[in-house]
C-alpha atoms as a PDB file:
ATOM      1  CA  UNK A   1      13.839  96.001   6.883  1.00  0.00           C
ATOM      2  CA  UNK A   2      12.824  94.365  10.461  1.00  0.00           C
ATOM      3  CA  UNK A   3       9.662  95.668  12.165  1.00  0.00           C
ATOM      4  CA  UNK A   4      10.012  98.009  15.134  1.00  0.00           C
ATOM      5  CA  UNK A   5       6.806  97.995  17.379  1.00  0.00           C
ATOM      6  CA  UNK A   6       4.819 100.273  17.536  1.00  0.00           C
ATOM      7  CA  UNK A   7       3.999 101.869  21.650  1.00  0.00           C
ATOM      8  CA  UNK A   8       0.934  99.973  21.597  1.00  0.00           C
ATOM      9  CA  UNK A   9       2.118  96.752  20.756  1.00  0.00           C
ATOM     10  CA  UNK A  10       5.193  97.134  23.045  1.00  0.00           C
ATOM     11  CA  UNK A  11       2.466  97.963  25.794  1.00  0.00           C
ATOM     12  CA  UNK A  12       0.738  94.803  25.029  1.00  0.00           C
ATOM     13  CA  UNK A  13       3.830  92.593  25.105  1.00  0.00           C
ATOM     14  CA  UNK A  14       4.926  94.105  28.407  1.00  0.00           C
ATOM     15  CA  UNK A  15       1.050  92.856  29.519  1.00  0.00           C
ATOM     16  CA  UNK A  16       1.341  89.425  28.482  1.00  0.00           C
ATOM     17  CA  UNK A  17       4.919  89.250  30.087  1.00  0.00           C
ATOM     18  CA  UNK A  18       3.303  89.445  33.740  1.00  0.00           C
ATOM     19  CA  UNK A  19       1.070  86.476  32.614  1.00  0.00           C
ATOM     20  CA  UNK A  20       1.943  83.121  33.023  1.00  0.00           C
ATOM     21  CA  UNK A  21       1.128  82.090  29.450  1.00  0.00           C
ATOM     22  CA  UNK A  22       2.776  81.351  26.273  1.00  0.00           C
ATOM     23  CA  UNK A  23       2.206  83.216  22.826  1.00  0.00           C
ATOM     24  CA  UNK A  24       3.185  83.780  19.846  1.00  0.00           C
ATOM     25  CA  UNK A  25       4.177  87.114  17.659  1.00  0.00           C
ATOM     26  CA  UNK A  26       2.816  86.889  14.530  1.00  0.00           C
ATOM     27  CA  UNK A  27       3.784  89.396  11.824  1.00  0.00           C
ATOM     28  CA  UNK A  28       1.131  90.907   9.515  1.00  0.00           C
ATOM     29  CA  UNK A  29       0.522  92.631   6.603  1.00  0.00           C
ATOM     30  CA  UNK A  30      -1.179  95.904   7.565  1.00  0.00           C
ATOM     31  CA  UNK A  31      -2.880  95.748   4.690  1.00  0.00           C
ATOM     32  CA  UNK A  32      -3.970  92.270   5.584  1.00  0.00           C
ATOM     33  CA  UNK A  33      -5.169  93.351   9.108  1.00  0.00           C
ATOM     34  CA  UNK A  34      -8.843  93.056   8.128  1.00  0.00           C
ATOM     35  CA  UNK A  35     -10.093  89.667   9.842  1.00  0.00           C
ATOM     36  CA  UNK A  36     -11.586  87.800   6.950  1.00  0.00           C
ATOM     37  CA  UNK A  37      -8.626  88.619   4.525  1.00  0.00           C
ATOM     38  CA  UNK A  38      -6.054  88.123   7.393  1.00  0.00           C
ATOM     39  CA  UNK A  39      -7.760  84.922   7.949  1.00  0.00           C
ATOM     40  CA  UNK A  40      -8.011  83.292   4.551  1.00  0.00           C
ATOM     41  CA  UNK A  41      -4.020  84.898   3.988  1.00  0.00           C
ATOM     42  CA  UNK A  42      -2.662  83.188   6.810  1.00  0.00           C
ATOM     43  CA  UNK A  43      -4.741  80.444   6.646  1.00  0.00           C
ATOM     44  CA  UNK A  44      -6.192  80.701  10.049  1.00  0.00           C
ATOM     45  CA  UNK A  45      -9.921  79.467  10.392  1.00  0.00           C
ATOM     46  CA  UNK A  46     -12.267  81.626  11.721  1.00  0.00           C
ATOM     47  CA  UNK A  47     -13.373  79.572  14.283  1.00  0.00           C
ATOM     48  CA  UNK A  48      -9.613  80.641  16.042  1.00  0.00           C
ATOM     49  CA  UNK A  49      -9.871  84.159  15.288  1.00  0.00           C
ATOM     50  CA  UNK A  50     -11.217  86.335  17.499  1.00  0.00           C
ATOM     51  CA  UNK A  51     -11.914  90.269  16.954  1.00  0.00           C
ATOM     52  CA  UNK A  52     -12.022  92.933  19.965  1.00  0.00           C
ATOM     53  CA  UNK A  53     -15.235  94.829  19.315  1.00  0.00           C
ATOM     54  CA  UNK A  54     -15.649  98.457  21.316  1.00  0.00           C
ATOM     55  CA  UNK A  55     -19.057  99.254  21.497  1.00  0.00           C
ATOM     56  CA  UNK A  56     -20.494 102.400  22.869  1.00  0.00           C
ATOM     57  CA  UNK A  57     -24.318 102.875  24.803  1.00  0.00           C
ATOM     58  CA  UNK A  58     -26.344 105.650  24.174  1.00  0.00           C
ATOM     59  CA  UNK A  59     -27.757 106.817  27.433  1.00  0.00           C
ATOM     60  CA  UNK A  60     -27.453 110.093  29.291  1.00  0.00           C
ATOM     61  CA  UNK A  61     -23.536 109.654  29.577  1.00  0.00           C
ATOM     62  CA  UNK A  62     -22.192 107.241  26.551  1.00  0.00           C
ATOM     63  CA  UNK A  63     -21.364 103.963  28.043  1.00  0.00           C
ATOM     64  CA  UNK A  64     -18.518 101.614  26.077  1.00  0.00           C
ATOM     65  CA  UNK A  65     -17.183  98.055  26.563  1.00  0.00           C
ATOM     66  CA  UNK A  66     -14.752  96.001  24.875  1.00  0.00           C
ATOM     67  CA  UNK A  67     -16.238  92.641  23.201  1.00  0.00           C
ATOM     68  CA  UNK A  68     -14.350  89.631  22.011  1.00  0.00           C
ATOM     69  CA  UNK A  69     -15.811  87.332  19.832  1.00  0.00           C
ATOM     70  CA  UNK A  70     -14.585  84.717  17.553  1.00  0.00           C
ATOM     71  CA  UNK A  71     -14.678  85.694  13.155  1.00  0.00           C
ATOM     72  CA  UNK A  72     -17.229  83.529  12.543  1.00  0.00           C
ATOM     73  CA  UNK A  73     -19.990  84.750  14.543  1.00  0.00           C
ATOM     74  CA  UNK A  74     -21.944  87.806  14.501  1.00  0.00           C
ATOM     75  CA  UNK A  75     -21.885  90.253  18.008  1.00  0.00           C
ATOM     76  CA  UNK A  76     -25.861  90.341  19.433  1.00  0.00           C
ATOM     77  CA  UNK A  77     -25.628  94.387  19.988  1.00  0.00           C
ATOM     78  CA  UNK A  78     -29.871  94.763  19.906  1.00  0.00           C
ATOM     79  CA  UNK A  79     -30.334  91.790  23.049  1.00  0.00           C
ATOM     80  CA  UNK A  80     -27.440  90.323  24.980  1.00  0.00           C
ATOM     81  CA  UNK A  81     -24.872  93.751  24.842  1.00  0.00           C
ATOM     82  CA  UNK A  82     -27.605  96.550  25.157  1.00  0.00           C
ATOM     83  CA  UNK A  83     -29.362  94.490  27.908  1.00  0.00           C
ATOM     84  CA  UNK A  84     -25.841  93.970  29.710  1.00  0.00           C
ATOM     85  CA  UNK A  85     -24.975  97.909  29.130  1.00  0.00           C
ATOM     86  CA  UNK A  86     -28.146  98.938  30.667  1.00  0.00           C
ATOM     87  CA  UNK A  87     -28.974 101.377  27.722  1.00  0.00           C
ATOM     88  CA  UNK A  88     -31.977 101.762  25.221  1.00  0.00           C
ATOM     89  CA  UNK A  89     -29.790 102.229  22.318  1.00  0.00           C
ATOM     90  CA  UNK A  90     -26.020 100.661  21.003  1.00  0.00           C
ATOM     91  CA  UNK A  91     -23.682 101.121  18.324  1.00  0.00           C
ATOM     92  CA  UNK A  92     -19.986  99.954  17.503  1.00  0.00           C
ATOM     93  CA  UNK A  93     -17.751 102.538  18.490  1.00  0.00           C
ATOM     94  CA  UNK A  94     -16.707 105.006  15.886  1.00  0.00           C
ATOM     95  CA  UNK A  95     -12.526 104.499  14.389  1.00  0.00           C
ATOM     96  CA  UNK A  96     -12.217 107.783  16.708  1.00  0.00           C
ATOM     97  CA  UNK A  97     -13.857 106.580  20.048  1.00  0.00           C
ATOM     98  CA  UNK A  98     -11.621 103.364  19.749  1.00  0.00           C
ATOM     99  CA  UNK A  99      -8.021 104.734  19.435  1.00  0.00           C
ATOM    100  CA  UNK A 100      -9.265 107.357  21.995  1.00  0.00           C
ATOM    101  CA  UNK A 101     -10.761 104.824  24.331  1.00  0.00           C
ATOM    102  CA  UNK A 102      -8.122 102.249  23.585  1.00  0.00           C
ATOM    103  CA  UNK A 103      -4.892 103.501  21.738  1.00  0.00           C
ATOM    104  CA  UNK A 104      -5.320 101.050  19.293  1.00  0.00           C
ATOM    105  CA  UNK A 105      -6.987 101.573  15.723  1.00  0.00           C
ATOM    106  CA  UNK A 106      -9.352  99.080  14.137  1.00  0.00           C
ATOM    107  CA  UNK A 107      -7.576  95.419  12.875  1.00  0.00           C
ATOM    108  CA  UNK A 108      -5.207  96.048  15.509  1.00  0.00           C
ATOM    109  CA  UNK A 109      -7.266  96.270  19.278  1.00  0.00           C
ATOM    110  CA  UNK A 110      -6.670  93.875  21.698  1.00  0.00           C
ATOM    111  CA  UNK A 111      -8.123  92.468  25.257  1.00  0.00           C
ATOM    112  CA  UNK A 112      -4.684  93.446  26.458  1.00  0.00           C
ATOM    113  CA  UNK A 113      -3.764  96.639  27.853  1.00  0.00           C
ATOM    114  CA  UNK A 114      -7.023  97.902  27.411  1.00  0.00           C
ATOM    115  CA  UNK A 115      -8.045 100.836  30.179  1.00  0.00           C
ATOM    116  CA  UNK A 116      -9.467  99.227  33.556  1.00  0.00           C
ATOM    117  CA  UNK A 117     -12.125 101.458  33.404  1.00  0.00           C
ATOM    118  CA  UNK A 118     -13.322  99.625  30.147  1.00  0.00           C
ATOM    119  CA  UNK A 119     -15.231  96.181  30.528  1.00  0.00           C
ATOM    120  CA  UNK A 120     -14.308  93.185  28.724  1.00  0.00           C
ATOM    121  CA  UNK A 121     -17.082  90.743  27.867  1.00  0.00           C
ATOM    122  CA  UNK A 122     -15.840  87.776  26.197  1.00  0.00           C
ATOM    123  CA  UNK A 123     -18.443  85.294  24.242  1.00  0.00           C
ATOM    124  CA  UNK A 124     -18.470  82.055  25.576  1.00  0.00           C
ATOM    125  CA  UNK A 125     -17.572  80.294  22.305  1.00  0.00           C
ATOM    126  CA  UNK A 126     -14.135  81.879  22.482  1.00  0.00           C
ATOM    127  CA  UNK A 127     -13.416  79.674  25.685  1.00  0.00           C
ATOM    128  CA  UNK A 128     -14.075  76.756  23.235  1.00  0.00           C
ATOM    129  CA  UNK A 129     -11.629  77.246  20.718  1.00  0.00           C
ATOM    130  CA  UNK A 130      -8.119  75.184  20.869  1.00  0.00           C
ATOM    131  CA  UNK A 131      -6.413  78.770  20.274  1.00  0.00           C
ATOM    132  CA  UNK A 132      -7.104  82.087  19.235  1.00  0.00           C
ATOM    133  CA  UNK A 133      -5.282  84.898  17.265  1.00  0.00           C
ATOM    134  CA  UNK A 134      -5.793  88.340  18.486  1.00  0.00           C
ATOM    135  CA  UNK A 135      -4.952  91.608  17.115  1.00  0.00           C
ATOM    136  CA  UNK A 136      -1.366  92.572  18.345  1.00  0.00           C
ATOM    137  CA  UNK A 137      -2.187  96.334  19.403  1.00  0.00           C
ATOM    138  CA  UNK A 138      -1.601  97.550  15.977  1.00  0.00           C
ATOM    139  CA  UNK A 139      -2.180  96.720  12.434  1.00  0.00           C
ATOM    140  CA  UNK A 140       1.493  94.747  12.028  1.00  0.00           C
ATOM    141  CA  UNK A 141       1.296  91.922  14.583  1.00  0.00           C
ATOM    142  CA  UNK A 142      -1.407  89.425  15.669  1.00  0.00           C
ATOM    143  CA  UNK A 143      -0.748  87.203  18.504  1.00  0.00           C
ATOM    144  CA  UNK A 144      -1.740  83.412  18.653  1.00  0.00           C
ATOM    145  CA  UNK A 145      -2.939  82.330  22.481  1.00  0.00           C
ATOM    146  CA  UNK A 146      -4.719  80.207  24.649  1.00  0.00           C
ATOM    147  CA  UNK A 147      -7.845  81.418  25.027  1.00  0.00           C
ATOM    148  CA  UNK A 148      -7.033  80.848  28.640  1.00  0.00           C
ATOM    149  CA  UNK A 149      -5.704  84.370  28.411  1.00  0.00           C
ATOM    150  CA  UNK A 150      -9.205  85.556  29.601  1.00  0.00           C
ATOM    151  CA  UNK A 151      -9.067  83.950  32.799  1.00  0.00           C
ATOM    152  CA  UNK A 152      -5.703  85.630  34.073  1.00  0.00           C
ATOM    153  CA  UNK A 153      -6.917  89.394  32.913  1.00  0.00           C
ATOM    154  CA  UNK A 154      -8.896  91.305  35.209  1.00  0.00           C
ATOM    155  CA  UNK A 155     -12.375  93.051  34.453  1.00  0.00           C
ATOM    156  CA  UNK A 156     -13.157  89.909  32.331  1.00  0.00           C
ATOM    157  CA  UNK A 157     -17.021  88.577  32.423  1.00  0.00           C
ATOM    158  CA  UNK A 158     -17.515  85.876  30.057  1.00  0.00           C
ATOM    159  CA  UNK A 159     -20.634  85.962  28.287  1.00  0.00           C
ATOM    160  CA  UNK A 160     -23.202  82.815  27.308  1.00  0.00           C
ATOM    161  CA  UNK A 161     -24.666  83.551  24.012  1.00  0.00           C
ATOM    162  CA  UNK A 162     -23.096  87.148  23.173  1.00  0.00           C
ATOM    163  CA  UNK A 163     -22.286  86.514  19.807  1.00  0.00           C
ATOM    164  CA  UNK A 164     -24.187  84.279  17.245  1.00  0.00           C
ATOM    165  CA  UNK A 165     -22.555  81.680  14.599  1.00  0.00           C
ATOM    166  CA  UNK A 166     -22.662  82.832  11.406  1.00  0.00           C
ATOM    167  CA  UNK A 167     -25.272  81.469   9.231  1.00  0.00           C
END
């Protein structure tokens, strides 16, 4: 049976159609969508797989940002991201908040077709990869694409030191 694209994956493809960049859609079994499992199963190096994580700043009014980092890294939420958001406390957005903000479920979140009001911060190391694999908008697809993508999207800031290499 052929995979029929989800609404979110279709929105992602529409967003890509307007950009001058080549990409490959990689079908993915939903149960293999979590990054480390995906990379091991499909033989993708962790330093070529990029996660998009929504963070929530705890302030008088909750603030959100989407952060993109390589799978071989951890997000420096307590120093870099918290200071960038100008909040005292920060956490990862819940699965429910992520869906409400992006329309996408964890394991499929991608920096494409995000709301214009959501800042998109990309760790500088992402830009050094020969290619990256991103969520495709759902858990059944991934996208293989050049990190040059981030120079083509609005609302993007490349952030030095936002993620730290895992030991």
